[in-house]
Amino acid sequence: MSRSSAYKQTKGVLARTLGEESMLLHPSGSPALSLNPTATAVWAALAEQPDLAVVVAEVSARYGTAPDAVEGEVDALVAQLLELGFLQPL
């Protein structure tokens, strides 16, 4: 993924958060997706900011790591969310 990419959450996706973890339900009825705390932080950041570079910066600041350290994890999550239809490119 390019850090200059931008994404939006798919309309109708239901997200439920319990503690630091979340469960995503797709409107098509496909299987639910469970998110760990880091993935939950990425999902929440994408709800507010579609720019992936900003999301990477926010998540790295939240966890006190360098952006390069979380970029790969964010990219992998975004790819999975795109493949499963939870995100759409802008």
N, C-alpha and C. Protein backbone atom coordinates (compact mmCIF):
# COMPACT_ATOMS: atom_id res chain seq x y z
N MET A 1 0.84 -1.19 0.00
CA MET A 1 0.00 0.00 0.00
C MET A 1 0.89 1.25 0.00
N SER A 2 0.39 2.25 -0.60
CA SER A 2 1.09 3.53 -0.59
C SER A 2 0.58 4.36 0.58
N ARG A 3 1.49 4.99 1.27
CA ARG A 3 1.07 5.84 2.38
C ARG A 3 0.22 7.00 1.91
N SER A 4 0.25 7.32 0.63
CA SER A 4 -0.54 8.42 0.11
C SER A 4 -1.97 7.99 -0.23
N SER A 5 -2.29 6.73 0.05
CA SER A 5 -3.61 6.21 -0.25
C SER A 5 -4.64 6.68 0.77
N ALA A 6 -5.89 6.69 0.34
CA ALA A 6 -6.97 7.08 1.23
C ALA A 6 -8.10 6.06 1.11
N TYR A 7 -8.76 5.80 2.23
CA TYR A 7 -9.80 4.77 2.30
C TYR A 7 -10.97 5.25 3.12
N LYS A 8 -12.12 4.63 2.88
CA LYS A 8 -13.28 4.89 3.72
C LYS A 8 -13.89 3.56 4.13
N GLN A 9 -14.55 3.57 5.28
CA GLN A 9 -15.24 2.38 5.74
C GLN A 9 -16.45 2.15 4.86
N THR A 10 -16.72 0.90 4.55
CA THR A 10 -17.87 0.55 3.72
C THR A 10 -19.15 0.89 4.46
N LYS A 11 -20.05 1.52 3.75
CA LYS A 11 -21.33 1.90 4.34
C LYS A 11 -22.07 0.66 4.83
N GLY A 12 -22.61 0.75 6.03
CA GLY A 12 -23.40 -0.33 6.59
C GLY A 12 -22.63 -1.31 7.45
N VAL A 13 -21.30 -1.18 7.50
CA VAL A 13 -20.52 -2.06 8.37
C VAL A 13 -20.81 -1.69 9.82
N LEU A 14 -21.11 -2.70 10.60
CA LEU A 14 -21.35 -2.49 12.03
C LEU A 14 -20.08 -2.83 12.78
N ALA A 15 -19.68 -1.95 13.68
CA ALA A 15 -18.49 -2.18 14.51
C ALA A 15 -18.91 -2.10 15.96
N ARG A 16 -18.52 -3.10 16.71
CA ARG A 16 -18.79 -3.13 18.15
C ARG A 16 -17.45 -3.27 18.85
N THR A 17 -17.21 -2.38 19.81
CA THR A 17 -15.95 -2.39 20.54
C THR A 17 -16.20 -2.77 21.99
N LEU A 18 -15.38 -3.68 22.48
CA LEU A 18 -15.42 -4.10 23.87
C LEU A 18 -14.00 -4.00 24.39
N GLY A 19 -13.76 -3.07 25.28
CA GLY A 19 -12.39 -2.82 25.73
C GLY A 19 -11.60 -2.24 24.59
N GLU A 20 -10.49 -2.89 24.25
CA GLU A 20 -9.64 -2.40 23.17
C GLU A 20 -9.78 -3.22 21.91
N GLU A 21 -10.71 -4.16 21.88
CA GLU A 21 -10.91 -4.99 20.70
C GLU A 21 -12.26 -4.71 20.07
N SER A 22 -12.38 -5.01 18.79
CA SER A 22 -13.62 -4.75 18.06
C SER A 22 -14.02 -5.96 17.23
N MET A 23 -15.29 -5.98 16.89
CA MET A 23 -15.86 -6.98 15.98
C MET A 23 -16.53 -6.21 14.86
N LEU A 24 -16.22 -6.57 13.61
CA LEU A 24 -16.84 -5.92 12.45
C LEU A 24 -17.82 -6.89 11.81
N LEU A 25 -18.99 -6.38 11.47
CA LEU A 25 -20.02 -7.17 10.79
C LEU A 25 -20.32 -6.49 9.47
N HIS A 26 -20.17 -7.25 8.39
CA HIS A 26 -20.41 -6.72 7.05
C HIS A 26 -21.89 -6.78 6.74
N PRO A 27 -22.44 -5.77 6.06
CA PRO A 27 -23.88 -5.77 5.75
C PRO A 27 -24.32 -6.92 4.84
N SER A 28 -23.39 -7.55 4.14
CA SER A 28 -23.74 -8.66 3.27
C SER A 28 -24.01 -9.95 4.04
N GLY A 29 -23.65 -9.93 5.33
CA GLY A 29 -23.83 -11.13 6.14
C GLY A 29 -22.64 -12.06 6.11
N SER A 30 -21.54 -11.63 5.50
CA SER A 30 -20.34 -12.46 5.49
C SER A 30 -19.82 -12.61 6.93
N PRO A 31 -18.93 -13.55 7.16
CA PRO A 31 -18.46 -13.77 8.53
C PRO A 31 -17.91 -12.51 9.19
N ALA A 32 -18.09 -12.41 10.49
CA ALA A 32 -17.60 -11.28 11.26
C ALA A 32 -16.08 -11.32 11.32
N LEU A 33 -15.48 -10.18 11.56
CA LEU A 33 -14.04 -10.06 11.67
C LEU A 33 -13.70 -9.48 13.04
N SER A 34 -12.85 -10.16 13.78
CA SER A 34 -12.41 -9.70 15.09
C SER A 34 -11.11 -8.91 14.94
N LEU A 35 -11.05 -7.74 15.58
CA LEU A 35 -9.86 -6.88 15.50
C LEU A 35 -9.16 -6.82 16.85
N ASN A 36 -7.84 -6.97 16.84
CA ASN A 36 -7.05 -6.81 18.06
C ASN A 36 -6.94 -5.32 18.39
N PRO A 37 -6.31 -4.97 19.51
CA PRO A 37 -6.24 -3.54 19.88
C PRO A 37 -5.60 -2.63 18.82
N THR A 38 -4.52 -3.09 18.19
CA THR A 38 -3.88 -2.26 17.17
C THR A 38 -4.79 -2.08 15.96
N ALA A 39 -5.41 -3.16 15.52
CA ALA A 39 -6.34 -3.08 14.38
C ALA A 39 -7.54 -2.22 14.73
N THR A 40 -8.00 -2.29 15.97
CA THR A 40 -9.11 -1.44 16.41
C THR A 40 -8.72 0.03 16.33
N ALA A 41 -7.48 0.35 16.73
CA ALA A 41 -6.99 1.73 16.64
C ALA A 41 -6.94 2.20 15.18
N VAL A 42 -6.52 1.32 14.28
CA VAL A 42 -6.49 1.67 12.85
C VAL A 42 -7.91 1.89 12.34
N TRP A 43 -8.83 1.00 12.67
CA TRP A 43 -10.22 1.12 12.24
C TRP A 43 -10.83 2.44 12.73
N ALA A 44 -10.59 2.76 14.00
CA ALA A 44 -11.12 4.01 14.56
C ALA A 44 -10.50 5.22 13.88
N ALA A 45 -9.21 5.17 13.60
CA ALA A 45 -8.55 6.30 12.93
C ALA A 45 -9.09 6.48 11.52
N LEU A 46 -9.35 5.38 10.82
CA LEU A 46 -9.90 5.48 9.46
C LEU A 46 -11.31 6.06 9.45
N ALA A 47 -12.04 5.92 10.54
CA ALA A 47 -13.38 6.51 10.63
C ALA A 47 -13.30 8.04 10.64
N GLU A 48 -12.20 8.56 11.17
CA GLU A 48 -12.02 10.00 11.30
C GLU A 48 -11.17 10.60 10.18
N GLN A 49 -10.24 9.80 9.64
CA GLN A 49 -9.24 10.30 8.71
C GLN A 49 -8.97 9.26 7.63
N PRO A 50 -9.32 9.54 6.38
CA PRO A 50 -9.12 8.54 5.33
C PRO A 50 -7.68 8.42 4.83
N ASP A 51 -6.83 9.38 5.16
CA ASP A 51 -5.45 9.39 4.65
C ASP A 51 -4.60 8.39 5.43
N LEU A 52 -4.08 7.38 4.74
CA LEU A 52 -3.34 6.31 5.39
C LEU A 52 -2.07 6.81 6.07
N ALA A 53 -1.42 7.81 5.52
CA ALA A 53 -0.21 8.36 6.15
C ALA A 53 -0.54 8.95 7.52
N VAL A 54 -1.68 9.63 7.62
CA VAL A 54 -2.09 10.21 8.90
C VAL A 54 -2.46 9.10 9.88
N VAL A 55 -3.13 8.06 9.39
CA VAL A 55 -3.49 6.92 10.24
C VAL A 55 -2.23 6.26 10.80
N VAL A 56 -1.24 6.04 9.96
CA VAL A 56 0.03 5.44 10.41
C VAL A 56 0.66 6.32 11.49
N ALA A 57 0.68 7.62 11.28
CA ALA A 57 1.26 8.55 12.26
C ALA A 57 0.50 8.51 13.58
N GLU A 58 -0.84 8.47 13.52
CA GLU A 58 -1.65 8.43 14.73
C GLU A 58 -1.42 7.14 15.52
N VAL A 59 -1.39 6.02 14.82
CA VAL A 59 -1.21 4.73 15.49
C VAL A 59 0.19 4.64 16.08
N SER A 60 1.19 5.11 15.34
CA SER A 60 2.56 5.05 15.87
C SER A 60 2.70 5.95 17.10
N ALA A 61 2.06 7.10 17.10
CA ALA A 61 2.10 7.99 18.26
C ALA A 61 1.38 7.35 19.45
N ARG A 62 0.26 6.71 19.20
CA ARG A 62 -0.51 6.07 20.27
C ARG A 62 0.30 5.00 20.97
N TYR A 63 1.07 4.23 20.20
CA TYR A 63 1.83 3.12 20.78
C TYR A 63 3.31 3.47 21.01
N GLY A 64 3.70 4.72 20.74
CA GLY A 64 5.06 5.16 21.01
C GLY A 64 6.11 4.48 20.16
N THR A 65 5.77 4.22 18.90
CA THR A 65 6.72 3.58 17.98
C THR A 65 6.93 4.46 16.76
N ALA A 66 7.96 4.18 16.03
CA ALA A 66 8.23 4.92 14.80
C ALA A 66 7.21 4.53 13.73
N PRO A 67 6.81 5.47 12.88
CA PRO A 67 5.86 5.14 11.81
C PRO A 67 6.28 3.94 10.97
N ASP A 68 7.56 3.83 10.69
CA ASP A 68 8.04 2.70 9.88
C ASP A 68 7.79 1.36 10.57
N ALA A 69 7.73 1.37 11.90
CA ALA A 69 7.53 0.13 12.66
C ALA A 69 6.10 -0.38 12.56
N VAL A 70 5.13 0.51 12.34
CA VAL A 70 3.73 0.06 12.26
C VAL A 70 3.19 0.06 10.84
N GLU A 71 3.92 0.66 9.92
CA GLU A 71 3.42 0.79 8.55
C GLU A 71 3.07 -0.57 7.93
N GLY A 72 3.92 -1.57 8.10
CA GLY A 72 3.66 -2.88 7.53
C GLY A 72 2.40 -3.52 8.08
N GLU A 73 2.20 -3.38 9.40
CA GLU A 73 0.99 -3.92 10.03
C GLU A 73 -0.25 -3.20 9.53
N VAL A 74 -0.17 -1.89 9.42
CA VAL A 74 -1.30 -1.12 8.92
C VAL A 74 -1.60 -1.50 7.48
N ASP A 75 -0.57 -1.62 6.66
CA ASP A 75 -0.76 -2.01 5.26
C ASP A 75 -1.42 -3.38 5.14
N ALA A 76 -0.97 -4.33 5.96
CA ALA A 76 -1.54 -5.69 5.92
C ALA A 76 -3.00 -5.67 6.34
N LEU A 77 -3.32 -4.90 7.38
CA LEU A 77 -4.71 -4.81 7.83
C LEU A 77 -5.58 -4.16 6.76
N VAL A 78 -5.11 -3.07 6.17
CA VAL A 78 -5.89 -2.39 5.13
C VAL A 78 -6.12 -3.33 3.96
N ALA A 79 -5.12 -4.09 3.56
CA ALA A 79 -5.29 -5.05 2.46
C ALA A 79 -6.35 -6.08 2.81
N GLN A 80 -6.34 -6.57 4.04
CA GLN A 80 -7.34 -7.55 4.47
C GLN A 80 -8.74 -6.93 4.49
N LEU A 81 -8.85 -5.72 5.02
CA LEU A 81 -10.14 -5.05 5.09
C LEU A 81 -10.69 -4.74 3.69
N LEU A 82 -9.81 -4.41 2.76
CA LEU A 82 -10.23 -4.19 1.38
C LEU A 82 -10.72 -5.49 0.75
N GLU A 83 -9.96 -6.54 0.94
CA GLU A 83 -10.31 -7.85 0.36
C GLU A 83 -11.65 -8.35 0.89
N LEU A 84 -11.92 -8.13 2.17
CA LEU A 84 -13.16 -8.60 2.78
C LEU A 84 -14.33 -7.63 2.59
N GLY A 85 -14.05 -6.47 2.01
CA GLY A 85 -15.11 -5.51 1.71
C GLY A 85 -15.48 -4.57 2.86
N PHE A 86 -14.64 -4.50 3.89
CA PHE A 86 -14.92 -3.59 5.01
C PHE A 86 -14.44 -2.18 4.73
N LEU A 87 -13.49 -2.03 3.79
CA LEU A 87 -12.99 -0.72 3.37
C LEU A 87 -13.13 -0.59 1.87
N GLN A 88 -13.16 0.67 1.41
CA GLN A 88 -13.16 0.98 0.00
C GLN A 88 -12.15 2.09 -0.26
N PRO A 89 -11.44 2.02 -1.38
CA PRO A 89 -10.52 3.14 -1.69
C PRO A 89 -11.31 4.37 -2.09
N LEU A 90 -10.72 5.51 -1.81
CA LEU A 90 -11.34 6.79 -2.23
C LEU A 90 -10.81 7.18 -3.58
